[in-house]
Every structure is written in C-alpha cells, then in structure tokens.
Amino acid sequence: MTGRPTTVRRAPGKLFVAGEYAVVEPGNPAILIAVDRYVTVTVSDPGDPGVVLSSDLTPHTAHCRWRDGRLDGTHPRDEQLLHESFAHVAAAIETVGRLLAERGLPAPALDVSVSSELHDNGTKFGFGSSGAVVVATVAAMAAHCGLHLTRDARYRLAMLATAGLEPKASGGDLAAGTWGGWITYRAPDRAAVLDLAGRAGIEEALRVPWPGHEVRALPQPAGLALEVGWTGTPASTTSLVSGLDRRTWRGSASHRKFVETSNDFVQAAVDALEGGDGEGLLRQIRRARHELARLDDEVGLGIFTPRLTALCEAAEAVGGAAKPSGAGGGDCGIALLDAEAAQDIAHVRKRWTTAGVRPLPIRPAMEGNAE
C-alpha cells in the first residue's frame, strides 16, 4: 500500500444553540450548528514504516508503531505526545485500524498532519476542536486506505474513538462536523456502543441501530442573523460536565426538572425552525439561557462569566436572544438578532468589544465532512 496520493479531509467546528448539559444523557435532544472554521487532516504514505503524527498546534512530531492494534510511541517523548497532544488523533487512527483488521487488511503506515482554524495562537475558541480532529482523521484515514464509508459510519467510528477517551462526551460536535449545517441531535448510550464494539466488533457496531441516537438536518432560522462572541478565556467542557457528578444534583428533582425543561424548549425551538417562526425561536433561546442560569445559581458551576453575561445583555437590549454556547465558563456565546437591523448588530458588536468579548466573523458551515 505505497505510492498512494495524499488524502486531505476537513471537518468544521460546532456551536451549541440549545440543549447542552442535558444532551450528555442518552436520548435528550440538542440543537447545534457547524461553523466555517475547520480542522484539516492530511494523510500520506510515510518514508519509513510506522505512523508519524504532526500538528500546527505543537512543534513536536510523534513517531509511533503498531502493536496489537494500538499505537505505541517509539521513544518516551513520543509516548507522552501520543497520550497528550495527539490523543484524539491516535484514538481515531486506532478505531479505523480495528475496522481494517476486521476486514482482513493490514495496519497501515501513515504520515498524519493536522492543521486547525479552531484556535487563536494556540488558545481554543470552544468550537469543538477535539471532535473536529477526530471526524477529519477518521475520514482522511478511511479514504486513504480505500474504505468507502457512509456519513453515518464515519460518525459512528468517530463516536467510538471519542467515547473511549471521554465517556461523557455527547458526540454533538462529531455529528455537527459530519453532517454540517443546523442539526438536532440525540446522543447514543456510549457505554452500550463501546460494549457492543468490544463484544461484536466494529463492523457490527456500524450496522445495528443505536438506541436513542438521532441526527436530523434543520433549516436555518428565518430572518435572524447569527452572531458569535469569544470571551478570550478557554473552558473545559469535560471539567464542567464532570462537576455535576461531583455534586448531589444528578438524580435529584432539580436534575429531572432541568432535563424536562431542556427537552421542552429544544423541541419547541426545532418546531420554530421547521416552521419558519423566528420570534418563536428567540423565545426558546431565552428560555435556554434562563434555565442554564438557574442551573448555575443552584449548582455553582460557573457557567456564566461576567463577559458571557455582558454578551447576553447586549443582545437582549436590542430585542435579540443570546446565551453561552456549550458548557460555558468561557469560550463562546451566541446571539440571534434581526437580520435586517444592521444598526442593532453593529451596536451589539461594539458593546461586546467594550466588555472584552471579541466578535467573530462566523457563519454556518452548510456542508460537513465529505468524501
């Protein structure tokens, strides 16, 4: 398997519109959008046997070898890089490698290079860079090795790779990066699908239904412009979501109310999008913000920072709706504003800048990762 042309695939980042936190539990819906910032993965045949990993986010290259279906670093520093800087890339490569093995194909020698538009001088925006790199790596490696996979199969491979590293990750970023555009998403039971893949194999896990899982395309909102503001402060989704498990909140009456309310406003927002009801969508985004604020007040996660609060207030002042996107605690917030009110949009951007929030020129990426 030498002399193949270089294979390049990219995947867009994502933003949550509604349903974060609730979506980490299987079957609860969320709305996400893919954004026009990308992770690009380039795969080629290396000059030497093994797997070579590089990225524009680290000056170091990891040299690896296959051992019993897993990647090992050839030296201690390579091993450290493999489990830190390249953990998600390696997980994606190993998952596709398992599928190749099940089909009787050898573990390939690869040169894998990653470049990201989801960071600013190494600081992440909060667009789901880990998810995008897994989606792009799965697609690039599969194509390079001659696997013709459906969109759903690529998502499932990405989900299996991610769940092995982050069992609580919803996979919404993987779905947005795979399908693109506006989507409604329900996460599968990650423990169940990992168990299925372990018992029956990757091929079977690609074939059978995943209970509770759903991805469906949604239309763009009627008459509304999406504005995105970056706080300049990175946040850890894993840490914030895990914070709920360290408290007595999960399983409580408040938890049940949160999930029920979240499911209600997400479904209402889906209905508004599909019905072209812009005002109805704004109402649901405000409900989503208020419910996140209630959760934050009760549990004290730090979802709302002063900059995210200022972002929301600026949009509300001109009749729009805004909220943190994702786990909060930093990263980005989103606002939906009257698309015809250019003066209001400019006013919001100015207030954001004054409050230390950087407006980002982000638009929905209507195409996800494609063959």
Protein backbone atom coordinates (compact mmCIF):
# COMPACT_ATOMS: atom_id res chain seq x y z
CA MET A 1 0.00 0.00 0.00
CA THR A 2 2.60 2.55 -1.13
CA GLY A 3 2.66 5.28 -3.68
CA ARG A 4 -0.88 6.43 -2.94
CA PRO A 5 -1.74 10.08 -3.48
CA THR A 6 -2.05 12.31 -0.45
CA THR A 7 -5.54 12.37 1.08
CA VAL A 8 -6.95 15.55 2.61
CA ARG A 9 -10.18 15.85 4.59
CA ARG A 10 -11.50 18.61 6.79
CA ALA A 11 -14.27 18.92 9.37
CA PRO A 12 -15.97 22.06 10.68
CA GLY A 13 -16.22 23.10 14.28
CA LYS A 14 -19.53 23.45 16.10
CA LEU A 15 -21.57 25.65 18.40
CA PHE A 16 -24.41 24.57 20.65
CA VAL A 17 -27.63 26.50 20.13
CA ALA A 18 -29.66 24.75 22.87
CA GLY A 19 -29.68 21.58 24.93
CA GLU A 20 -26.13 21.46 26.32
CA TYR A 21 -25.70 19.58 29.60
CA ALA A 22 -28.96 17.64 29.07
CA VAL A 23 -27.62 16.15 25.82
CA VAL A 24 -24.85 14.25 27.61
CA GLU A 25 -27.53 11.79 28.76
CA PRO A 26 -28.64 9.39 26.02
CA GLY A 27 -31.75 10.35 24.08
CA ASN A 28 -32.04 14.01 25.16
CA PRO A 29 -32.16 16.41 22.21
CA ALA A 30 -29.95 19.38 21.42
CA ILE A 31 -29.55 21.82 18.54
CA LEU A 32 -26.12 22.53 17.09
CA ILE A 33 -24.64 24.29 14.11
CA ALA A 34 -21.45 23.57 12.22
CA VAL A 35 -19.28 26.68 11.81
CA ASP A 36 -16.97 27.74 9.00
CA ARG A 37 -13.74 27.17 10.90
CA TYR A 38 -12.10 23.85 10.15
CA VAL A 39 -9.63 21.22 11.22
CA THR A 40 -7.80 19.77 8.22
CA VAL A 41 -6.10 16.38 8.29
CA THR A 42 -3.64 15.30 5.61
CA VAL A 43 -2.70 11.63 5.28
CA SER A 44 0.14 10.32 3.13
CA ASP A 45 2.42 7.32 2.97
CA PRO A 46 5.49 7.85 5.19
CA GLY A 47 9.08 7.37 4.15
CA ASP A 48 9.56 4.84 6.95
CA PRO A 49 7.33 2.15 8.49
CA GLY A 50 5.05 3.19 11.31
CA VAL A 51 2.79 6.17 11.93
CA VAL A 52 4.05 9.75 12.11
CA LEU A 53 1.84 12.42 13.73
CA SER A 54 2.32 16.18 13.44
CA SER A 55 0.22 19.27 14.12
CA ASP A 56 0.47 23.03 13.78
CA LEU A 57 -0.50 23.21 17.48
CA THR A 58 2.71 21.58 18.69
CA PRO A 59 6.31 21.89 17.47
CA HIS A 60 6.94 18.21 18.14
CA THR A 61 6.30 15.20 15.92
CA ALA A 62 5.32 11.83 17.35
CA HIS A 63 6.76 8.67 15.81
CA CYS A 64 4.65 5.59 16.50
CA ARG A 65 4.41 1.92 15.65
CA TRP A 66 1.54 -0.54 15.62
CA ARG A 67 1.48 -3.11 18.40
CA ASP A 68 -1.53 -5.43 18.82
CA GLY A 69 -3.83 -2.93 17.14
CA ARG A 70 -2.67 0.02 19.24
CA LEU A 71 -0.20 2.82 18.59
CA ASP A 72 2.92 2.98 20.77
CA GLY A 73 5.50 5.74 20.78
CA THR A 74 8.92 4.66 19.60
CA HIS A 75 10.58 6.72 22.39
CA PRO A 76 9.37 8.04 25.78
CA ARG A 77 8.74 11.54 24.38
CA ASP A 78 6.71 10.06 21.51
CA GLU A 79 4.67 8.07 24.04
CA GLN A 80 3.96 11.24 26.04
CA LEU A 81 2.91 13.15 22.91
CA LEU A 82 0.70 10.23 21.88
CA HIS A 83 -1.28 10.43 25.11
CA GLU A 84 -1.36 14.23 25.35
CA SER A 85 -1.10 16.32 22.17
CA PHE A 86 -2.22 13.52 19.80
CA ALA A 87 -4.61 11.50 21.97
CA HIS A 88 -7.70 12.16 19.83
CA VAL A 89 -5.85 11.64 16.55
CA ALA A 90 -4.43 8.35 17.83
CA ALA A 91 -7.84 7.16 19.03
CA ALA A 92 -9.33 7.85 15.59
CA ILE A 93 -6.48 6.04 13.82
CA GLU A 94 -6.75 3.02 16.12
CA THR A 95 -10.54 2.79 15.64
CA VAL A 96 -10.24 2.81 11.85
CA GLY A 97 -7.38 0.34 12.24
CA ARG A 98 -9.71 -2.04 14.09
CA LEU A 99 -12.17 -1.87 11.20
CA LEU A 100 -9.37 -2.58 8.70
CA ALA A 101 -8.28 -5.58 10.76
CA GLU A 102 -11.82 -6.95 10.84
CA ARG A 103 -11.87 -6.72 7.05
CA GLY A 104 -8.59 -8.60 6.79
CA LEU A 105 -6.50 -5.55 5.90
CA PRO A 106 -3.12 -4.74 7.49
CA ALA A 107 -2.48 -1.85 9.85
CA PRO A 108 -1.19 0.89 7.56
CA ALA A 109 1.93 3.00 7.75
CA LEU A 110 0.80 6.63 7.70
CA ASP A 111 2.01 10.20 7.89
CA VAL A 112 -0.82 12.21 9.52
CA SER A 113 -0.67 16.00 9.71
CA VAL A 114 -3.25 18.23 11.45
CA SER A 115 -3.90 21.93 10.97
CA SER A 116 -6.56 23.87 12.88
CA GLU A 117 -8.55 27.07 12.41
CA LEU A 118 -10.31 26.45 15.74
CA HIS A 119 -7.63 28.17 17.82
CA ASP A 120 -6.14 31.63 18.20
CA ASN A 121 -2.38 31.41 18.77
CA GLY A 122 -2.93 28.05 20.43
CA THR A 123 -5.93 29.13 22.55
CA LYS A 124 -9.13 27.34 21.64
CA PHE A 125 -12.30 29.20 20.68
CA GLY A 126 -14.63 26.50 22.00
CA PHE A 127 -15.70 25.18 18.60
CA GLY A 128 -15.14 21.52 19.46
CA SER A 129 -11.62 21.13 18.13
CA SER A 130 -11.19 17.65 19.60
CA GLY A 131 -14.35 16.45 17.87
CA ALA A 132 -13.42 18.06 14.56
CA VAL A 133 -9.98 16.45 14.56
CA VAL A 134 -11.48 13.01 15.20
CA VAL A 135 -14.04 13.43 12.40
CA ALA A 136 -11.41 14.66 9.94
CA THR A 137 -8.91 11.95 10.91
CA VAL A 138 -11.45 9.16 10.53
CA ALA A 139 -12.49 10.44 7.10
CA ALA A 140 -8.96 11.03 5.84
CA MET A 141 -7.55 7.70 7.03
CA ALA A 142 -10.56 5.71 5.80
CA ALA A 143 -10.38 7.31 2.36
CA HIS A 144 -6.61 6.87 2.17
CA CYS A 145 -6.98 3.17 2.96
CA GLY A 146 -9.73 2.67 0.37
CA LEU A 147 -12.68 2.35 2.74
CA HIS A 148 -15.90 3.72 1.28
CA LEU A 149 -17.95 4.72 4.31
CA THR A 150 -21.32 6.39 4.64
CA ARG A 151 -21.68 9.60 6.59
CA ASP A 152 -23.34 7.64 9.39
CA ALA A 153 -20.49 5.13 9.51
CA ARG A 154 -17.91 7.92 9.77
CA TYR A 155 -19.84 9.48 12.64
CA ARG A 156 -20.05 6.11 14.42
CA LEU A 157 -16.32 5.48 14.10
CA ALA A 158 -15.67 8.98 15.45
CA MET A 159 -18.10 8.35 18.34
CA LEU A 160 -16.42 5.06 19.25
CA ALA A 161 -13.00 6.71 19.18
CA THR A 162 -14.14 9.64 21.32
CA ALA A 163 -16.14 7.59 23.83
CA GLY A 164 -13.08 5.51 24.56
CA LEU A 165 -11.28 8.67 25.69
CA GLU A 166 -14.17 10.75 27.07
CA PRO A 167 -17.10 8.53 28.09
CA LYS A 168 -19.29 11.54 28.97
CA ALA A 169 -18.77 13.38 25.66
CA SER A 170 -22.14 13.71 23.93
CA GLY A 171 -20.74 13.49 20.41
CA GLY A 172 -22.72 16.53 19.28
CA ASP A 173 -19.52 18.04 17.90
CA LEU A 174 -18.95 14.84 15.90
CA ALA A 175 -22.44 14.98 14.40
CA ALA A 176 -22.14 18.67 13.51
CA GLY A 177 -18.73 18.09 11.97
CA THR A 178 -20.01 15.14 9.95
CA TRP A 179 -23.37 16.49 8.71
CA GLY A 180 -22.82 20.25 8.74
CA GLY A 181 -25.47 22.98 8.89
CA TRP A 182 -28.08 23.19 11.63
CA ILE A 183 -28.94 19.85 13.19
CA THR A 184 -30.94 18.35 16.02
CA TYR A 185 -29.03 15.62 17.79
CA ARG A 186 -29.60 12.92 20.40
CA ALA A 187 -26.64 11.05 21.83
CA PRO A 188 -26.45 7.26 21.99
CA ASP A 189 -25.63 5.35 25.15
CA ARG A 190 -21.85 5.50 24.84
CA ALA A 191 -21.19 2.68 27.31
CA ALA A 192 -23.56 0.44 25.36
CA VAL A 193 -21.99 1.14 21.97
CA LEU A 194 -18.48 0.64 23.34
CA ASP A 195 -19.60 -2.66 24.83
CA LEU A 196 -21.17 -3.64 21.50
CA ALA A 197 -17.98 -2.85 19.59
CA GLY A 198 -15.93 -4.76 22.15
CA ARG A 199 -18.14 -7.85 22.05
CA ALA A 200 -19.30 -8.00 18.44
CA GLY A 201 -16.71 -5.88 16.64
CA ILE A 202 -16.59 -2.53 14.88
CA GLU A 203 -18.36 -3.83 11.78
CA GLU A 204 -21.39 -4.88 13.81
CA ALA A 205 -21.38 -1.56 15.70
CA LEU A 206 -21.62 0.22 12.34
CA ARG A 207 -24.51 -1.95 11.20
CA VAL A 208 -27.04 -2.18 14.03
CA PRO A 209 -29.26 0.66 15.31
CA TRP A 210 -28.01 2.71 18.23
CA PRO A 211 -30.98 3.21 20.60
CA GLY A 212 -31.77 6.81 21.44
CA HIS A 213 -29.46 8.22 18.77
CA GLU A 214 -30.72 10.72 16.19
CA VAL A 215 -29.28 13.27 13.78
CA ARG A 216 -31.63 15.35 11.64
CA ALA A 217 -30.96 18.40 9.48
CA LEU A 218 -32.77 21.63 10.30
CA PRO A 219 -33.39 24.75 8.22
CA GLN A 220 -31.60 27.98 9.04
CA PRO A 221 -33.62 30.46 11.15
CA ALA A 222 -35.94 32.76 9.27
CA GLY A 223 -35.00 36.45 9.36
CA LEU A 224 -32.31 36.06 12.02
CA ALA A 225 -28.57 36.62 11.92
CA LEU A 226 -26.19 34.52 13.98
CA GLU A 227 -23.56 36.49 15.89
CA VAL A 228 -20.75 34.82 17.79
CA GLY A 229 -18.65 36.36 20.55
CA TRP A 230 -15.47 34.91 22.06
CA THR A 231 -14.58 35.68 25.66
CA GLY A 232 -10.89 35.01 25.11
CA THR A 233 -10.92 32.55 28.01
CA PRO A 234 -10.83 28.81 27.25
CA ALA A 235 -13.12 26.50 29.20
CA SER A 236 -13.05 22.75 29.78
CA THR A 237 -16.34 21.09 28.85
CA THR A 238 -15.19 17.82 30.41
CA SER A 239 -14.39 19.55 33.70
CA LEU A 240 -17.67 21.48 33.84
CA VAL A 241 -19.85 18.49 32.97
CA SER A 242 -17.94 16.31 35.42
CA GLY A 243 -18.58 18.96 38.07
CA LEU A 244 -22.23 17.96 38.11
CA ASP A 245 -21.29 14.38 39.01
CA ARG A 246 -19.25 15.56 41.98
CA ARG A 247 -22.36 17.14 43.48
CA THR A 248 -25.66 15.70 44.64
CA TRP A 249 -27.52 17.37 41.77
CA ARG A 250 -27.58 14.45 39.33
CA GLY A 251 -30.60 12.26 40.05
CA SER A 252 -32.28 14.97 42.11
CA ALA A 253 -35.67 16.59 41.49
CA SER A 254 -33.84 19.66 40.18
CA HIS A 255 -31.94 17.48 37.71
CA ARG A 256 -35.16 15.91 36.46
CA LYS A 257 -36.75 19.37 36.09
CA PHE A 258 -33.73 20.65 34.16
CA VAL A 259 -33.80 17.76 31.70
CA GLU A 260 -37.57 18.02 31.24
CA THR A 261 -37.39 21.78 30.65
CA SER A 262 -34.42 21.43 28.31
CA ASN A 263 -36.18 18.80 26.23
CA ASP A 264 -39.26 21.01 26.05
CA PHE A 265 -37.52 24.17 24.82
CA VAL A 266 -35.30 22.24 22.41
CA GLN A 267 -38.34 20.60 20.80
CA ALA A 268 -40.10 23.98 20.68
CA ALA A 269 -37.03 25.51 19.05
CA VAL A 270 -36.94 22.69 16.48
CA ASP A 271 -40.61 23.34 15.72
CA ALA A 272 -39.89 27.07 15.35
CA LEU A 273 -37.01 26.43 12.95
CA GLU A 274 -39.02 23.99 10.85
CA GLY A 275 -42.00 26.36 10.87
CA GLY A 276 -40.01 29.46 9.94
CA ASP A 277 -41.00 31.15 13.21
CA GLY A 278 -38.12 33.46 14.06
CA GLU A 279 -39.80 35.08 17.06
CA GLY A 280 -40.71 31.67 18.42
CA LEU A 281 -37.07 30.61 18.16
CA LEU A 282 -35.93 33.73 20.07
CA ARG A 283 -38.32 32.86 22.89
CA GLN A 284 -36.84 29.38 23.21
CA ILE A 285 -33.25 30.68 23.20
CA ARG A 286 -34.20 32.99 26.08
CA ARG A 287 -35.71 30.02 27.93
CA ALA A 288 -32.49 28.09 27.35
CA ARG A 289 -30.43 30.94 28.78
CA HIS A 290 -32.65 31.25 31.86
CA GLU A 291 -32.54 27.52 32.54
CA LEU A 292 -28.72 27.49 32.31
CA ALA A 293 -28.69 30.45 34.72
CA ARG A 294 -30.95 28.55 37.14
CA LEU A 295 -28.63 25.55 36.98
CA ASP A 296 -25.62 27.79 37.54
CA ASP A 297 -27.21 29.52 40.54
CA GLU A 298 -28.15 26.21 42.11
CA VAL A 299 -25.03 24.16 41.47
CA GLY A 300 -22.38 26.87 41.18
CA LEU A 301 -20.53 25.55 38.13
CA GLY A 302 -19.51 28.98 36.86
CA ILE A 303 -21.33 28.67 33.53
CA PHE A 304 -21.93 32.43 33.34
CA THR A 305 -18.82 34.58 33.48
CA PRO A 306 -19.05 38.40 33.54
CA ARG A 307 -18.18 38.51 29.83
CA LEU A 308 -20.80 35.92 28.88
CA THR A 309 -23.40 37.81 30.92
CA ALA A 310 -22.48 41.06 29.15
CA LEU A 311 -22.73 39.27 25.80
CA CYS A 312 -26.27 38.14 26.58
CA GLU A 313 -27.39 41.51 27.93
CA ALA A 314 -26.17 43.38 24.86
CA ALA A 315 -28.24 41.17 22.54
CA GLU A 316 -31.33 41.33 24.76
CA ALA A 317 -31.13 45.14 24.77
CA VAL A 318 -31.91 45.25 21.02
CA GLY A 319 -34.61 42.56 21.10
CA GLY A 320 -32.41 39.61 20.28
CA ALA A 321 -31.68 36.45 22.23
CA ALA A 322 -28.33 35.17 23.44
CA LYS A 323 -26.73 32.54 25.66
CA PRO A 324 -23.47 30.76 26.34
CA SER A 325 -22.76 28.09 23.74
CA GLY A 326 -21.77 24.75 25.19
CA ALA A 327 -20.66 24.27 28.77
CA GLY A 328 -19.98 27.96 29.41
CA GLY A 329 -17.32 29.09 31.86
CA GLY A 330 -15.59 30.92 28.99
CA ASP A 331 -15.25 30.11 25.29
CA CYS A 332 -18.09 31.49 23.14
CA GLY A 333 -21.59 32.83 23.36
CA ILE A 334 -24.11 33.14 20.55
CA ALA A 335 -26.77 35.72 19.72
CA LEU A 336 -29.62 35.66 17.24
CA LEU A 337 -30.53 39.15 16.03
CA ASP A 338 -32.86 40.68 13.45
CA ALA A 339 -31.02 40.14 10.18
CA GLU A 340 -32.40 43.40 8.73
CA ALA A 341 -31.32 45.56 11.69
CA ALA A 342 -27.72 46.30 10.66
CA GLN A 343 -27.50 49.16 13.15
CA ASP A 344 -28.51 46.90 16.04
CA ILE A 345 -25.97 44.26 15.00
CA ALA A 346 -23.23 46.90 14.89
CA HIS A 347 -24.32 48.17 18.32
CA VAL A 348 -24.14 44.70 19.82
CA ARG A 349 -20.68 44.11 18.38
CA LYS A 350 -19.50 47.44 19.83
CA ARG A 351 -20.86 46.61 23.30
CA TRP A 352 -19.24 43.21 23.14
CA THR A 353 -15.86 44.72 22.31
CA THR A 354 -16.19 47.20 25.18
CA ALA A 355 -16.97 44.29 27.54
CA GLY A 356 -13.91 42.33 26.39
CA VAL A 357 -15.83 39.99 24.08
CA ARG A 358 -14.37 39.57 20.61
CA PRO A 359 -16.95 39.36 17.78
CA LEU A 360 -16.01 36.55 15.43
CA PRO A 361 -16.90 36.52 11.71
CA ILE A 362 -18.51 33.08 11.91
CA ARG A 363 -21.10 31.64 9.57
CA PRO A 364 -22.78 28.22 9.48
CA ALA A 365 -20.86 25.61 7.51
CA MET A 366 -23.64 24.04 5.50
CA GLU A 367 -21.51 21.07 4.47
CA GLY A 368 -19.93 18.73 6.96
CA ASN A 369 -17.07 16.36 6.35
CA ALA A 370 -17.49 14.68 2.97
CA GLU A 371 -15.76 12.06 0.91
